[in-house]
Amino acid sequence: MIRPSVARKISSRSSDGRRGPIERFRELFARAGAAEASDHTAAALATADDTGAPSVRMVLLKAVDRRGFVFFTNYRSRKARELDANPRAALCFHWPGLGVQVRVEGRVTRVPAAESDTYFSTRPRESQVAAWASDQSAPLPSRRALLARWARTAGRLPTPAPRPDFWGGYRIVPARIEFWRSEPHRLHRRTLYVRTARGWRRRLLYP
């Protein structure tokens, strides 16, 4: 079971003194925000259950710093159940306008409740209501049933709505970050950063 925790800060530089992967990611993330037609915060999140069976879906990155990469979800959802049973995950960002992919792998912790509260307070009221109304990943009898439940929930919640205790954030604390850049003739550039006790170790990979 994942417990809320504050992840230890990760060194900002690689062991050879170069710029570290978090800084490199943040620069690319800002460039993608200006270059991409679609939502540049979207990433594929891969998880696995306690038997090792994988699943993947898209999530939205809501924060990144030296502690790791943060997204939010219903703690009763399939992804959350899998993360609680097997607290490791991988993210993959793809920004075709830049010709770049970024892969992140690491352990996962729940963010502190106060951090989830802060983010939840920034969501539009309609999205706050949806978080309360959706029994995420559970069978749904009909679309009409969902809309009716949303309307009933909206009628009873104050404005702004408080965060439900079954909804909040996860932080992936990266152990590996790989940057992939498209190059002619499929001779792509791949740079892998592996976290060690002394900082990030950088190496190149064959494409």
N, C-alpha and C. Protein backbone atom coordinates (compact mmCIF):
# COMPACT_ATOMS: atom_id res chain seq x y z
N MET A 1 0.85 -1.20 0.00
CA MET A 1 0.00 0.00 0.00
C MET A 1 0.88 1.25 0.00
N ILE A 2 0.61 2.15 -0.91
CA ILE A 2 1.39 3.38 -0.97
C ILE A 2 0.94 4.33 0.11
N ARG A 3 1.87 4.88 0.85
CA ARG A 3 1.57 5.87 1.88
C ARG A 3 2.00 7.24 1.39
N PRO A 4 1.27 8.29 1.79
CA PRO A 4 1.71 9.64 1.40
C PRO A 4 3.10 9.92 1.94
N SER A 5 3.91 10.56 1.15
CA SER A 5 5.26 10.90 1.59
C SER A 5 5.78 12.06 0.78
N VAL A 6 6.80 12.69 1.28
CA VAL A 6 7.50 13.72 0.54
C VAL A 6 8.76 13.09 -0.02
N ALA A 7 8.86 13.00 -1.34
CA ALA A 7 10.01 12.35 -1.96
C ALA A 7 11.27 13.16 -1.73
N ARG A 8 12.40 12.45 -1.54
CA ARG A 8 13.68 13.11 -1.38
C ARG A 8 14.06 13.81 -2.67
N LYS A 9 14.61 15.01 -2.55
CA LYS A 9 14.99 15.75 -3.74
C LYS A 9 16.10 15.02 -4.50
N ILE A 10 16.01 15.08 -5.80
CA ILE A 10 16.97 14.43 -6.67
C ILE A 10 18.00 15.45 -7.11
N SER A 11 19.26 15.05 -7.12
CA SER A 11 20.31 15.95 -7.58
C SER A 11 19.99 16.48 -8.97
N SER A 12 20.26 17.77 -9.19
CA SER A 12 19.88 18.40 -10.44
C SER A 12 20.86 18.14 -11.57
N ARG A 13 22.04 17.58 -11.28
CA ARG A 13 23.05 17.41 -12.31
C ARG A 13 23.48 15.96 -12.39
N SER A 14 23.99 15.58 -13.55
CA SER A 14 24.50 14.23 -13.71
C SER A 14 25.87 14.13 -13.03
N SER A 15 26.35 12.89 -12.84
CA SER A 15 27.59 12.68 -12.10
C SER A 15 28.80 13.24 -12.83
N ASP A 16 28.68 13.51 -14.15
CA ASP A 16 29.80 14.09 -14.87
C ASP A 16 29.73 15.62 -14.92
N GLY A 17 28.83 16.21 -14.15
CA GLY A 17 28.74 17.66 -14.06
C GLY A 17 27.86 18.30 -15.11
N ARG A 18 27.29 17.52 -16.03
CA ARG A 18 26.42 18.08 -17.05
C ARG A 18 25.07 18.46 -16.45
N ARG A 19 24.31 19.20 -17.23
CA ARG A 19 22.94 19.52 -16.86
C ARG A 19 22.15 18.24 -16.62
N GLY A 20 21.36 18.20 -15.56
CA GLY A 20 20.64 16.99 -15.22
C GLY A 20 19.37 16.79 -16.04
N PRO A 21 18.76 15.59 -15.94
CA PRO A 21 17.61 15.27 -16.78
C PRO A 21 16.35 16.04 -16.41
N ILE A 22 16.18 16.43 -15.15
CA ILE A 22 14.98 17.18 -14.79
C ILE A 22 15.00 18.55 -15.47
N GLU A 23 16.13 19.22 -15.44
CA GLU A 23 16.25 20.51 -16.11
C GLU A 23 16.06 20.35 -17.62
N ARG A 24 16.64 19.31 -18.16
CA ARG A 24 16.48 19.06 -19.60
C ARG A 24 15.01 18.81 -19.94
N PHE A 25 14.33 18.02 -19.11
CA PHE A 25 12.91 17.76 -19.36
C PHE A 25 12.10 19.04 -19.29
N ARG A 26 12.33 19.86 -18.29
CA ARG A 26 11.54 21.09 -18.13
C ARG A 26 11.72 22.03 -19.32
N GLU A 27 12.93 22.10 -19.86
CA GLU A 27 13.15 22.93 -21.05
C GLU A 27 12.39 22.39 -22.25
N LEU A 28 12.43 21.06 -22.46
CA LEU A 28 11.69 20.46 -23.56
C LEU A 28 10.18 20.60 -23.36
N PHE A 29 9.73 20.46 -22.13
CA PHE A 29 8.31 20.58 -21.81
C PHE A 29 7.80 21.97 -22.18
N ALA A 30 8.58 22.99 -21.87
CA ALA A 30 8.19 24.36 -22.22
C ALA A 30 8.16 24.54 -23.73
N ARG A 31 9.13 23.99 -24.42
CA ARG A 31 9.15 24.08 -25.88
C ARG A 31 7.96 23.34 -26.49
N ALA A 32 7.62 22.18 -25.93
CA ALA A 32 6.48 21.42 -26.44
C ALA A 32 5.18 22.18 -26.26
N GLY A 33 5.07 22.93 -25.16
CA GLY A 33 3.86 23.71 -24.93
C GLY A 33 3.61 24.73 -26.02
N ALA A 34 4.69 25.24 -26.60
CA ALA A 34 4.56 26.22 -27.68
C ALA A 34 4.45 25.57 -29.05
N ALA A 35 4.99 24.35 -29.20
CA ALA A 35 5.10 23.75 -30.53
C ALA A 35 4.00 22.75 -30.86
N GLU A 36 3.43 22.10 -29.85
CA GLU A 36 2.51 21.00 -30.12
C GLU A 36 1.07 21.47 -30.30
N ALA A 37 0.37 20.88 -31.28
CA ALA A 37 -1.03 21.22 -31.50
C ALA A 37 -1.92 20.58 -30.44
N SER A 38 -1.55 19.40 -29.96
CA SER A 38 -2.31 18.72 -28.92
C SER A 38 -1.74 19.04 -27.55
N ASP A 39 -2.37 18.51 -26.51
CA ASP A 39 -1.98 18.82 -25.14
C ASP A 39 -0.62 18.21 -24.82
N HIS A 40 0.38 19.06 -24.60
CA HIS A 40 1.74 18.56 -24.37
C HIS A 40 1.91 17.95 -22.99
N THR A 41 0.92 18.11 -22.10
CA THR A 41 1.02 17.51 -20.77
C THR A 41 0.62 16.04 -20.77
N ALA A 42 0.05 15.54 -21.87
CA ALA A 42 -0.42 14.16 -21.93
C ALA A 42 0.74 13.18 -22.04
N ALA A 43 0.64 12.09 -21.29
CA ALA A 43 1.66 11.05 -21.32
C ALA A 43 1.00 9.70 -21.12
N ALA A 44 1.58 8.67 -21.71
CA ALA A 44 1.13 7.31 -21.47
C ALA A 44 1.69 6.84 -20.13
N LEU A 45 0.81 6.35 -19.27
CA LEU A 45 1.22 5.84 -17.96
C LEU A 45 1.05 4.33 -17.96
N ALA A 46 2.15 3.61 -17.75
CA ALA A 46 2.12 2.15 -17.68
C ALA A 46 2.24 1.70 -16.24
N THR A 47 1.36 0.78 -15.85
CA THR A 47 1.39 0.19 -14.52
C THR A 47 1.27 -1.33 -14.68
N ALA A 48 1.44 -2.05 -13.59
CA ALA A 48 1.25 -3.50 -13.60
C ALA A 48 0.63 -3.92 -12.28
N ASP A 49 -0.20 -4.96 -12.33
CA ASP A 49 -0.82 -5.43 -11.09
C ASP A 49 0.15 -6.34 -10.34
N ASP A 50 -0.34 -6.95 -9.27
CA ASP A 50 0.56 -7.75 -8.43
C ASP A 50 0.98 -9.06 -9.09
N THR A 51 0.38 -9.41 -10.24
CA THR A 51 0.82 -10.59 -10.99
C THR A 51 1.79 -10.23 -12.11
N GLY A 52 1.99 -8.92 -12.33
CA GLY A 52 2.86 -8.46 -13.39
C GLY A 52 2.13 -8.14 -14.68
N ALA A 53 0.80 -8.31 -14.73
CA ALA A 53 0.05 -8.00 -15.96
C ALA A 53 0.03 -6.49 -16.16
N PRO A 54 0.45 -6.00 -17.34
CA PRO A 54 0.56 -4.56 -17.56
C PRO A 54 -0.74 -3.94 -18.05
N SER A 55 -0.86 -2.63 -17.88
CA SER A 55 -1.92 -1.83 -18.48
C SER A 55 -1.38 -0.43 -18.72
N VAL A 56 -1.98 0.28 -19.65
CA VAL A 56 -1.49 1.61 -20.00
C VAL A 56 -2.66 2.49 -20.36
N ARG A 57 -2.52 3.80 -20.05
CA ARG A 57 -3.55 4.79 -20.36
C ARG A 57 -2.88 6.16 -20.37
N MET A 58 -3.60 7.16 -20.88
CA MET A 58 -3.06 8.51 -20.92
C MET A 58 -3.44 9.26 -19.63
N VAL A 59 -2.50 10.01 -19.10
CA VAL A 59 -2.75 10.90 -17.97
C VAL A 59 -2.16 12.27 -18.32
N LEU A 60 -2.45 13.25 -17.48
CA LEU A 60 -1.94 14.61 -17.69
C LEU A 60 -0.94 14.94 -16.58
N LEU A 61 0.24 15.37 -16.98
CA LEU A 61 1.26 15.78 -16.02
C LEU A 61 0.87 17.13 -15.43
N LYS A 62 0.82 17.21 -14.10
CA LYS A 62 0.41 18.45 -13.45
C LYS A 62 1.54 19.16 -12.72
N ALA A 63 2.64 18.49 -12.48
CA ALA A 63 3.79 19.13 -11.84
C ALA A 63 5.02 18.29 -12.09
N VAL A 64 6.17 18.95 -12.20
CA VAL A 64 7.44 18.26 -12.27
C VAL A 64 8.50 19.13 -11.62
N ASP A 65 9.29 18.54 -10.75
CA ASP A 65 10.41 19.23 -10.13
C ASP A 65 11.42 18.16 -9.74
N ARG A 66 12.39 18.52 -8.92
CA ARG A 66 13.45 17.56 -8.58
C ARG A 66 12.93 16.37 -7.78
N ARG A 67 11.72 16.50 -7.22
CA ARG A 67 11.14 15.36 -6.49
C ARG A 67 10.52 14.34 -7.42
N GLY A 68 10.10 14.75 -8.62
CA GLY A 68 9.51 13.80 -9.55
C GLY A 68 8.36 14.38 -10.36
N PHE A 69 7.57 13.48 -10.94
CA PHE A 69 6.51 13.80 -11.90
C PHE A 69 5.15 13.48 -11.27
N VAL A 70 4.23 14.45 -11.28
CA VAL A 70 2.97 14.31 -10.54
C VAL A 70 1.78 14.29 -11.47
N PHE A 71 0.86 13.36 -11.21
CA PHE A 71 -0.45 13.32 -11.86
C PHE A 71 -1.49 13.00 -10.80
N PHE A 72 -2.76 13.22 -11.13
CA PHE A 72 -3.85 13.05 -10.16
C PHE A 72 -4.90 12.08 -10.70
N THR A 73 -5.58 11.39 -9.78
CA THR A 73 -6.57 10.40 -10.19
C THR A 73 -7.45 10.02 -9.01
N ASN A 74 -8.46 9.21 -9.29
CA ASN A 74 -9.30 8.61 -8.25
C ASN A 74 -8.51 7.45 -7.64
N TYR A 75 -8.40 7.43 -6.31
CA TYR A 75 -7.63 6.39 -5.64
C TYR A 75 -8.31 5.02 -5.69
N ARG A 76 -9.57 4.97 -6.21
CA ARG A 76 -10.26 3.70 -6.35
C ARG A 76 -10.19 3.18 -7.79
N SER A 77 -9.55 3.92 -8.68
CA SER A 77 -9.48 3.53 -10.08
C SER A 77 -8.56 2.33 -10.26
N ARG A 78 -8.62 1.74 -11.45
CA ARG A 78 -7.76 0.60 -11.72
C ARG A 78 -6.30 0.98 -11.61
N LYS A 79 -5.91 2.13 -12.17
CA LYS A 79 -4.50 2.53 -12.12
C LYS A 79 -4.03 2.67 -10.67
N ALA A 80 -4.89 3.25 -9.82
CA ALA A 80 -4.52 3.45 -8.42
C ALA A 80 -4.41 2.12 -7.69
N ARG A 81 -5.32 1.21 -7.95
CA ARG A 81 -5.24 -0.11 -7.31
C ARG A 81 -3.94 -0.81 -7.72
N GLU A 82 -3.59 -0.69 -8.99
CA GLU A 82 -2.35 -1.33 -9.44
C GLU A 82 -1.12 -0.66 -8.83
N LEU A 83 -1.14 0.67 -8.71
CA LEU A 83 -0.02 1.37 -8.10
C LEU A 83 0.11 1.05 -6.62
N ASP A 84 -1.01 0.86 -5.93
CA ASP A 84 -0.95 0.49 -4.52
C ASP A 84 -0.38 -0.91 -4.34
N ALA A 85 -0.72 -1.82 -5.28
CA ALA A 85 -0.23 -3.20 -5.19
C ALA A 85 1.21 -3.32 -5.67
N ASN A 86 1.59 -2.50 -6.64
CA ASN A 86 2.92 -2.58 -7.24
C ASN A 86 3.37 -1.15 -7.53
N PRO A 87 3.96 -0.48 -6.55
CA PRO A 87 4.24 0.97 -6.66
C PRO A 87 5.43 1.33 -7.53
N ARG A 88 5.37 0.89 -8.78
CA ARG A 88 6.34 1.27 -9.81
C ARG A 88 5.57 1.58 -11.08
N ALA A 89 6.07 2.52 -11.86
CA ALA A 89 5.35 2.93 -13.06
C ALA A 89 6.31 3.52 -14.07
N ALA A 90 5.79 3.71 -15.29
CA ALA A 90 6.56 4.34 -16.36
C ALA A 90 5.66 5.34 -17.09
N LEU A 91 6.25 6.45 -17.50
CA LEU A 91 5.59 7.46 -18.31
C LEU A 91 6.31 7.55 -19.65
N CYS A 92 5.54 7.85 -20.71
CA CYS A 92 6.15 8.14 -22.01
C CYS A 92 5.46 9.36 -22.61
N PHE A 93 6.24 10.41 -22.82
CA PHE A 93 5.78 11.61 -23.49
C PHE A 93 6.22 11.53 -24.96
N HIS A 94 5.33 11.94 -25.87
CA HIS A 94 5.69 11.99 -27.29
C HIS A 94 5.27 13.34 -27.84
N TRP A 95 6.25 14.09 -28.30
CA TRP A 95 6.01 15.42 -28.86
C TRP A 95 6.48 15.40 -30.32
N PRO A 96 5.60 15.00 -31.25
CA PRO A 96 6.02 14.87 -32.66
C PRO A 96 6.47 16.18 -33.27
N GLY A 97 5.94 17.31 -32.80
CA GLY A 97 6.38 18.59 -33.34
C GLY A 97 7.85 18.87 -33.07
N LEU A 98 8.37 18.29 -32.00
CA LEU A 98 9.79 18.43 -31.67
C LEU A 98 10.60 17.23 -32.13
N GLY A 99 9.89 16.15 -32.53
CA GLY A 99 10.60 14.92 -32.86
C GLY A 99 11.24 14.28 -31.65
N VAL A 100 10.54 14.34 -30.51
CA VAL A 100 11.13 13.92 -29.23
C VAL A 100 10.17 13.00 -28.48
N GLN A 101 10.76 11.99 -27.84
CA GLN A 101 10.07 11.21 -26.82
C GLN A 101 10.88 11.31 -25.52
N VAL A 102 10.18 11.22 -24.39
CA VAL A 102 10.86 11.13 -23.09
C VAL A 102 10.22 9.98 -22.33
N ARG A 103 11.05 9.09 -21.82
CA ARG A 103 10.59 7.95 -21.03
C ARG A 103 11.06 8.11 -19.59
N VAL A 104 10.15 7.89 -18.65
CA VAL A 104 10.44 8.03 -17.22
C VAL A 104 10.03 6.74 -16.53
N GLU A 105 10.91 6.19 -15.70
CA GLU A 105 10.59 4.98 -14.93
C GLU A 105 11.02 5.20 -13.48
N GLY A 106 10.20 4.70 -12.55
CA GLY A 106 10.59 4.83 -11.15
C GLY A 106 9.54 4.34 -10.19
N ARG A 107 9.83 4.53 -8.92
CA ARG A 107 8.88 4.15 -7.88
C ARG A 107 7.84 5.26 -7.71
N VAL A 108 6.74 4.92 -7.08
CA VAL A 108 5.61 5.83 -6.98
C VAL A 108 5.20 6.01 -5.52
N THR A 109 4.89 7.25 -5.15
CA THR A 109 4.35 7.56 -3.83
C THR A 109 3.12 8.45 -4.01
N ARG A 110 2.23 8.40 -3.05
CA ARG A 110 1.13 9.36 -3.04
C ARG A 110 1.66 10.71 -2.57
N VAL A 111 1.18 11.78 -3.18
CA VAL A 111 1.60 13.10 -2.72
C VAL A 111 0.88 13.42 -1.41
N PRO A 112 1.41 14.31 -0.58
CA PRO A 112 0.73 14.68 0.66
C PRO A 112 -0.65 15.27 0.38
N ALA A 113 -1.57 15.09 1.33
CA ALA A 113 -2.95 15.55 1.16
C ALA A 113 -3.01 17.04 0.88
N ALA A 114 -2.17 17.82 1.52
CA ALA A 114 -2.19 19.28 1.31
C ALA A 114 -1.86 19.63 -0.13
N GLU A 115 -0.96 18.86 -0.74
CA GLU A 115 -0.60 19.11 -2.14
C GLU A 115 -1.77 18.77 -3.06
N SER A 116 -2.47 17.67 -2.76
CA SER A 116 -3.66 17.33 -3.53
C SER A 116 -4.76 18.37 -3.35
N ASP A 117 -4.93 18.86 -2.12
CA ASP A 117 -5.93 19.91 -1.86
C ASP A 117 -5.65 21.15 -2.69
N THR A 118 -4.38 21.55 -2.74
CA THR A 118 -4.02 22.76 -3.47
C THR A 118 -4.35 22.62 -4.94
N TYR A 119 -3.99 21.48 -5.55
CA TYR A 119 -4.30 21.31 -6.95
C TYR A 119 -5.81 21.23 -7.19
N PHE A 120 -6.52 20.48 -6.34
CA PHE A 120 -7.97 20.31 -6.53
C PHE A 120 -8.68 21.66 -6.52
N SER A 121 -8.20 22.58 -5.71
CA SER A 121 -8.85 23.89 -5.60
C SER A 121 -8.72 24.70 -6.88
N THR A 122 -7.78 24.33 -7.76
CA THR A 122 -7.61 25.06 -9.02
C THR A 122 -8.48 24.51 -10.14
N ARG A 123 -9.09 23.36 -9.94
CA ARG A 123 -9.90 22.75 -11.01
C ARG A 123 -11.22 23.49 -11.17
N PRO A 124 -11.77 23.55 -12.39
CA PRO A 124 -13.11 24.13 -12.56
C PRO A 124 -14.13 23.38 -11.71
N ARG A 125 -15.16 24.08 -11.27
CA ARG A 125 -16.15 23.43 -10.42
C ARG A 125 -16.72 22.18 -11.08
N GLU A 126 -16.97 22.23 -12.39
CA GLU A 126 -17.54 21.07 -13.07
C GLU A 126 -16.64 19.85 -12.93
N SER A 127 -15.32 20.07 -12.98
CA SER A 127 -14.38 18.97 -12.81
C SER A 127 -14.31 18.51 -11.35
N GLN A 128 -14.46 19.44 -10.42
CA GLN A 128 -14.53 19.06 -9.01
C GLN A 128 -15.73 18.15 -8.76
N VAL A 129 -16.86 18.52 -9.32
CA VAL A 129 -18.08 17.71 -9.16
C VAL A 129 -17.88 16.34 -9.79
N ALA A 130 -17.25 16.31 -10.97
CA ALA A 130 -17.02 15.04 -11.65
C ALA A 130 -16.18 14.10 -10.81
N ALA A 131 -15.20 14.63 -10.09
CA ALA A 131 -14.36 13.78 -9.23
C ALA A 131 -15.19 13.10 -8.15
N TRP A 132 -16.17 13.82 -7.62
CA TRP A 132 -17.06 13.24 -6.61
C TRP A 132 -18.04 12.25 -7.23
N ALA A 133 -18.53 12.55 -8.43
CA ALA A 133 -19.62 11.77 -9.02
C ALA A 133 -19.15 10.47 -9.68
N SER A 134 -17.89 10.41 -10.11
CA SER A 134 -17.42 9.25 -10.87
C SER A 134 -16.84 8.18 -9.96
N ASP A 135 -17.38 6.99 -10.08
CA ASP A 135 -16.80 5.81 -9.42
C ASP A 135 -15.84 5.19 -10.43
N GLN A 136 -14.71 5.83 -10.61
CA GLN A 136 -13.83 5.56 -11.74
C GLN A 136 -13.44 4.10 -11.86
N SER A 137 -13.57 3.58 -13.08
CA SER A 137 -13.23 2.21 -13.47
C SER A 137 -14.29 1.19 -13.10
N ALA A 138 -15.32 1.57 -12.34
CA ALA A 138 -16.41 0.65 -12.00
C ALA A 138 -17.38 0.56 -13.17
N PRO A 139 -18.13 -0.54 -13.32
CA PRO A 139 -19.11 -0.66 -14.39
C PRO A 139 -20.16 0.45 -14.31
N LEU A 140 -20.54 1.00 -15.47
CA LEU A 140 -21.51 2.09 -15.56
C LEU A 140 -22.74 1.59 -16.30
N PRO A 141 -23.94 1.67 -15.70
CA PRO A 141 -25.14 1.15 -16.38
C PRO A 141 -25.50 1.91 -17.65
N SER A 142 -25.32 3.23 -17.65
CA SER A 142 -25.65 4.02 -18.83
C SER A 142 -25.06 5.41 -18.70
N ARG A 143 -24.91 6.09 -19.83
CA ARG A 143 -24.45 7.48 -19.82
C ARG A 143 -25.44 8.35 -19.06
N ARG A 144 -26.74 8.07 -19.24
CA ARG A 144 -27.77 8.85 -18.56
C ARG A 144 -27.60 8.76 -17.04
N ALA A 145 -27.25 7.58 -16.56
CA ALA A 145 -27.06 7.40 -15.12
C ALA A 145 -25.91 8.27 -14.61
N LEU A 146 -24.84 8.36 -15.40
CA LEU A 146 -23.70 9.19 -15.00
C LEU A 146 -24.09 10.66 -14.94
N LEU A 147 -24.79 11.14 -15.96
CA LEU A 147 -25.17 12.56 -15.99
C LEU A 147 -26.13 12.89 -14.86
N ALA A 148 -27.04 11.97 -14.55
CA ALA A 148 -27.97 12.19 -13.44
C ALA A 148 -27.22 12.23 -12.12
N ARG A 149 -26.25 11.36 -11.97
CA ARG A 149 -25.46 11.35 -10.73
C ARG A 149 -24.65 12.63 -10.60
N TRP A 150 -24.10 13.10 -11.72
CA TRP A 150 -23.35 14.36 -11.69
C TRP A 150 -24.26 15.50 -11.26
N ALA A 151 -25.47 15.56 -11.79
CA ALA A 151 -26.40 16.65 -11.45
C ALA A 151 -26.79 16.59 -9.98
N ARG A 152 -27.05 15.41 -9.46
CA ARG A 152 -27.38 15.29 -8.03
C ARG A 152 -26.21 15.72 -7.16
N THR A 153 -25.01 15.32 -7.57
CA THR A 153 -23.81 15.68 -6.81
C THR A 153 -23.58 17.18 -6.83
N ALA A 154 -23.77 17.80 -7.99
CA ALA A 154 -23.60 19.25 -8.11
C ALA A 154 -24.57 19.99 -7.21
N GLY A 155 -25.77 19.45 -7.04
CA GLY A 155 -26.78 20.11 -6.22
C GLY A 155 -26.48 20.10 -4.73
N ARG A 156 -25.67 19.17 -4.29
CA ARG A 156 -25.40 19.07 -2.85
C ARG A 156 -24.03 19.60 -2.43
N LEU A 157 -23.12 19.80 -3.40
CA LEU A 157 -21.77 20.24 -3.05
C LEU A 157 -21.70 21.76 -2.95
N PRO A 158 -20.92 22.28 -2.00
CA PRO A 158 -20.71 23.73 -1.93
C PRO A 158 -19.77 24.18 -3.05
N THR A 159 -19.65 25.49 -3.20
CA THR A 159 -18.73 26.08 -4.17
C THR A 159 -17.69 26.92 -3.42
N PRO A 160 -16.40 26.64 -3.56
CA PRO A 160 -15.82 25.51 -4.28
C PRO A 160 -16.02 24.20 -3.53
N ALA A 161 -15.98 23.10 -4.25
CA ALA A 161 -16.16 21.79 -3.61
C ALA A 161 -14.86 21.36 -2.94
N PRO A 162 -14.95 20.69 -1.80
CA PRO A 162 -13.74 20.15 -1.18
C PRO A 162 -13.24 18.93 -1.95
N ARG A 163 -12.00 18.59 -1.76
CA ARG A 163 -11.45 17.39 -2.40
C ARG A 163 -11.96 16.15 -1.70
N PRO A 164 -12.48 15.16 -2.46
CA PRO A 164 -12.85 13.90 -1.82
C PRO A 164 -11.62 13.14 -1.35
N ASP A 165 -11.76 12.42 -0.25
CA ASP A 165 -10.58 11.73 0.29
C ASP A 165 -10.14 10.56 -0.57
N PHE A 166 -10.97 10.16 -1.56
CA PHE A 166 -10.61 9.07 -2.45
C PHE A 166 -9.99 9.57 -3.76
N TRP A 167 -9.57 10.81 -3.78
CA TRP A 167 -9.00 11.41 -4.99
C TRP A 167 -7.75 12.19 -4.61
N GLY A 168 -6.68 12.04 -5.41
CA GLY A 168 -5.46 12.77 -5.09
C GLY A 168 -4.34 12.45 -6.06
N GLY A 169 -3.14 12.82 -5.67
CA GLY A 169 -2.01 12.74 -6.58
C GLY A 169 -1.05 11.60 -6.29
N TYR A 170 -0.32 11.24 -7.33
CA TYR A 170 0.81 10.33 -7.24
C TYR A 170 2.04 11.03 -7.80
N ARG A 171 3.18 10.70 -7.25
CA ARG A 171 4.45 11.22 -7.75
C ARG A 171 5.34 10.05 -8.17
N ILE A 172 5.79 10.07 -9.42
CA ILE A 172 6.78 9.10 -9.87
C ILE A 172 8.16 9.68 -9.56
N VAL A 173 8.90 9.00 -8.71
CA VAL A 173 10.26 9.40 -8.36
C VAL A 173 11.19 8.67 -9.32
N PRO A 174 11.75 9.37 -10.29
CA PRO A 174 12.42 8.67 -11.40
C PRO A 174 13.73 8.01 -11.01
N ALA A 175 13.89 6.78 -11.50
CA ALA A 175 15.16 6.08 -11.42
C ALA A 175 15.87 6.09 -12.76
N ARG A 176 15.11 6.22 -13.85
CA ARG A 176 15.65 6.27 -15.20
C ARG A 176 14.86 7.29 -16.01
N ILE A 177 15.55 8.11 -16.77
CA ILE A 177 14.91 9.05 -17.69
C ILE A 177 15.67 8.96 -19.01
N GLU A 178 14.94 8.67 -20.08
CA GLU A 178 15.57 8.56 -21.40
C GLU A 178 14.99 9.60 -22.35
N PHE A 179 15.86 10.27 -23.06
CA PHE A 179 15.48 11.24 -24.09
C PHE A 179 15.78 10.63 -25.46
N TRP A 180 14.76 10.63 -26.31
CA TRP A 180 14.87 10.09 -27.67
C TRP A 180 14.57 11.20 -28.65
N ARG A 181 15.47 11.41 -29.62
CA ARG A 181 15.26 12.44 -30.62
C ARG A 181 15.37 11.84 -32.01
N SER A 182 14.39 12.14 -32.84
CA SER A 182 14.36 11.61 -34.20
C SER A 182 15.50 12.19 -35.04
N GLU A 183 16.15 11.30 -35.80
CA GLU A 183 17.22 11.70 -36.70
C GLU A 183 17.05 10.95 -38.03
N PRO A 184 17.64 11.46 -39.12
CA PRO A 184 17.51 10.79 -40.42
C PRO A 184 18.04 9.35 -40.39
N HIS A 185 17.49 8.52 -41.30
CA HIS A 185 17.95 7.15 -41.51
C HIS A 185 17.74 6.27 -40.26
N ARG A 186 16.83 6.70 -39.39
CA ARG A 186 16.56 5.98 -38.13
C ARG A 186 17.79 5.88 -37.22
N LEU A 187 18.72 6.78 -37.41
CA LEU A 187 19.89 6.85 -36.52
C LEU A 187 19.57 7.83 -35.39
N HIS A 188 18.53 7.48 -34.64
CA HIS A 188 18.01 8.39 -33.62
C HIS A 188 19.00 8.57 -32.47
N ARG A 189 18.87 9.71 -31.79
CA ARG A 189 19.70 9.99 -30.62
C ARG A 189 18.97 9.51 -29.37
N ARG A 190 19.62 8.67 -28.58
CA ARG A 190 19.04 8.20 -27.31
C ARG A 190 20.03 8.48 -26.19
N THR A 191 19.59 9.21 -25.19
CA THR A 191 20.42 9.53 -24.03
C THR A 191 19.70 9.05 -22.79
N LEU A 192 20.34 8.20 -22.03
CA LEU A 192 19.74 7.62 -20.83
C LEU A 192 20.43 8.17 -19.59
N TYR A 193 19.63 8.58 -18.62
CA TYR A 193 20.12 8.99 -17.31
C TYR A 193 19.63 7.97 -16.29
N VAL A 194 20.55 7.43 -15.51
CA VAL A 194 20.22 6.46 -14.46
C VAL A 194 20.60 7.07 -13.12
N ARG A 195 19.68 7.06 -12.20
CA ARG A 195 19.93 7.65 -10.89
C ARG A 195 20.80 6.74 -10.04
N THR A 196 21.85 7.29 -9.43
CA THR A 196 22.73 6.56 -8.54
C THR A 196 22.85 7.33 -7.23
N ALA A 197 23.56 6.75 -6.29
CA ALA A 197 23.76 7.43 -5.00
C ALA A 197 24.56 8.72 -5.16
N ARG A 198 25.32 8.83 -6.26
CA ARG A 198 26.15 10.01 -6.48
C ARG A 198 25.52 11.01 -7.46
N GLY A 199 24.32 10.72 -7.89
CA GLY A 199 23.66 11.61 -8.85
C GLY A 199 23.25 10.84 -10.09
N TRP A 200 23.00 11.55 -11.16
CA TRP A 200 22.57 10.93 -12.41
C TRP A 200 23.77 10.51 -13.24
N ARG A 201 23.76 9.24 -13.69
CA ARG A 201 24.79 8.74 -14.60
C ARG A 201 24.23 8.81 -16.03
N ARG A 202 24.96 9.43 -16.92
CA ARG A 202 24.51 9.65 -18.30
C ARG A 202 25.23 8.72 -19.24
N ARG A 203 24.47 8.14 -20.20
CA ARG A 203 25.10 7.31 -21.22
C ARG A 203 24.28 7.39 -22.50
N LEU A 204 24.91 7.14 -23.62
CA LEU A 204 24.23 7.08 -24.90
C LEU A 204 23.82 5.63 -25.19
N LEU A 205 22.73 5.47 -25.96
CA LEU A 205 22.25 4.14 -26.33
C LEU A 205 22.18 4.04 -27.85
N TYR A 206 22.42 2.86 -28.37
CA TYR A 206 22.16 2.63 -29.79
C TYR A 206 20.68 2.85 -30.08
N PRO A 207 20.34 3.35 -31.28
CA PRO A 207 18.93 3.56 -31.60
C PRO A 207 18.23 2.23 -31.89
